[in-house]
Amino acid sequence: MRLKPEQVERIRSIVAEQAGPRAMVWLFGSRIDDTARGGDVDLLVELPTEVEAPALLAARIAGRISRALDDRKVDVVLAAPNLKPQPIHEVAKSEGMRL
């Protein structure tokens, strides 16, 4: 995984602040490959309860994490009981790693 421990802790902290302490977060994509270089930070945030404004929440989480990671590009995908499951959710959970 190409994130420092303090970056992982900051991501977890921001997700908890924005989505609640029961939200789970997975890192997936190129950042889990230790041999790759560059790339954005792809995150799946799974919520145990329904979310009213998913686009707003995803944007808020991505923006705050981006600023915490020196303006690195961050993509956030949400999963919640009221959101339709997408193939990216399964990819993120099967190929990614939980932070």
Protein backbone atom coordinates (compact mmCIF):
# COMPACT_ATOMS: atom_id res chain seq x y z
CA MET A 1 0.00 0.00 0.00
CA ARG A 2 1.41 3.36 -0.99
CA LEU A 3 0.11 5.45 1.88
CA LYS A 4 1.97 6.35 5.03
CA PRO A 5 0.47 5.31 8.38
CA GLU A 6 -0.29 8.94 9.25
CA GLN A 7 -2.12 9.34 5.92
CA VAL A 8 -4.21 6.25 6.63
CA GLU A 9 -5.09 7.58 10.07
CA ARG A 10 -6.06 10.95 8.63
CA ILE A 11 -8.30 9.26 6.02
CA ARG A 12 -9.99 7.18 8.70
CA SER A 13 -10.47 10.24 10.88
CA ILE A 14 -12.02 12.31 8.09
CA VAL A 15 -14.37 9.50 7.08
CA ALA A 16 -15.48 9.08 10.70
CA GLU A 17 -16.04 12.85 11.05
CA GLN A 18 -18.07 13.08 7.84
CA ALA A 19 -19.85 9.72 7.65
CA GLY A 20 -19.95 8.57 11.27
CA PRO A 21 -17.81 6.27 13.39
CA ARG A 22 -19.41 3.10 12.00
CA ALA A 23 -18.44 3.88 8.39
CA MET A 24 -15.88 1.50 6.91
CA VAL A 25 -13.33 2.56 4.32
CA TRP A 26 -11.42 0.55 1.71
CA LEU A 27 -8.47 1.65 -0.39
CA PHE A 28 -8.47 0.19 -3.90
CA GLY A 29 -6.94 0.88 -7.28
CA SER A 30 -3.32 1.73 -8.01
CA ARG A 31 -2.48 2.86 -4.48
CA ILE A 32 -2.57 -0.73 -3.18
CA ASP A 33 0.16 -1.70 -5.67
CA ASP A 34 3.56 -1.10 -4.07
CA THR A 35 5.30 -1.30 -7.46
CA ALA A 36 3.17 1.38 -9.15
CA ARG A 37 3.92 5.10 -9.14
CA GLY A 38 1.63 8.09 -8.88
CA GLY A 39 -2.10 7.72 -9.23
CA ASP A 40 -5.05 9.02 -7.33
CA VAL A 41 -6.47 7.68 -4.09
CA ASP A 42 -9.56 5.53 -4.68
CA LEU A 43 -11.75 4.91 -1.64
CA LEU A 44 -14.93 2.99 -0.98
CA VAL A 45 -16.83 4.27 2.05
CA GLU A 46 -19.49 1.87 3.28
CA LEU A 47 -22.19 3.23 5.56
CA PRO A 48 -24.47 1.07 7.72
CA THR A 49 -27.37 3.51 7.39
CA GLU A 50 -29.06 5.35 4.56
CA VAL A 51 -27.48 8.53 3.26
CA GLU A 52 -29.67 11.45 2.17
CA ALA A 53 -27.28 13.32 -0.15
CA PRO A 54 -24.71 10.82 -1.39
CA ALA A 55 -23.07 13.06 -4.01
CA LEU A 56 -22.59 15.84 -1.48
CA LEU A 57 -21.18 13.48 1.15
CA ALA A 58 -18.78 11.84 -1.32
CA ALA A 59 -17.58 15.25 -2.54
CA ARG A 60 -17.11 16.54 1.00
CA ILE A 61 -15.09 13.46 2.02
CA ALA A 62 -12.98 13.57 -1.15
CA GLY A 63 -12.27 17.29 -0.78
CA ARG A 64 -11.18 17.05 2.83
CA ILE A 65 -9.00 14.02 2.23
CA SER A 66 -7.46 15.67 -0.84
CA ARG A 67 -6.48 18.70 1.23
CA ALA A 68 -5.07 16.44 3.97
CA LEU A 69 -2.96 14.61 1.35
CA ASP A 70 -1.42 17.75 -0.17
CA ASP A 71 -4.09 18.13 -2.87
CA ARG A 72 -3.71 14.61 -4.26
CA LYS A 73 -6.71 13.59 -6.37
CA VAL A 74 -9.17 11.49 -4.35
CA ASP A 75 -12.14 9.53 -5.67
CA VAL A 76 -14.80 8.39 -3.20
CA VAL A 77 -17.45 5.77 -3.93
CA LEU A 78 -20.23 5.33 -1.38
CA ALA A 79 -22.12 2.18 -0.46
CA ALA A 80 -25.24 2.42 1.73
CA PRO A 81 -28.50 0.50 2.17
CA ASN A 82 -30.43 3.00 0.04
CA LEU A 83 -27.87 3.13 -2.81
CA LYS A 84 -27.97 0.69 -5.70
CA PRO A 85 -24.98 -1.68 -5.62
CA GLN A 86 -22.58 -1.19 -8.51
CA PRO A 87 -19.82 -3.47 -9.86
CA ILE A 88 -17.19 -1.05 -8.48
CA HIS A 89 -18.34 -1.88 -4.95
CA GLU A 90 -17.47 -5.55 -5.37
CA VAL A 91 -14.14 -4.74 -7.05
CA ALA A 92 -13.18 -2.37 -4.24
CA LYS A 93 -13.99 -4.92 -1.54
CA SER A 94 -12.47 -7.94 -3.29
CA GLU A 95 -9.28 -6.30 -4.61
CA GLY A 96 -8.85 -3.47 -2.11
CA MET A 97 -7.82 -3.35 1.49
CA ARG A 98 -9.76 -2.08 4.47
CA LEU A 99 -8.17 0.85 6.23
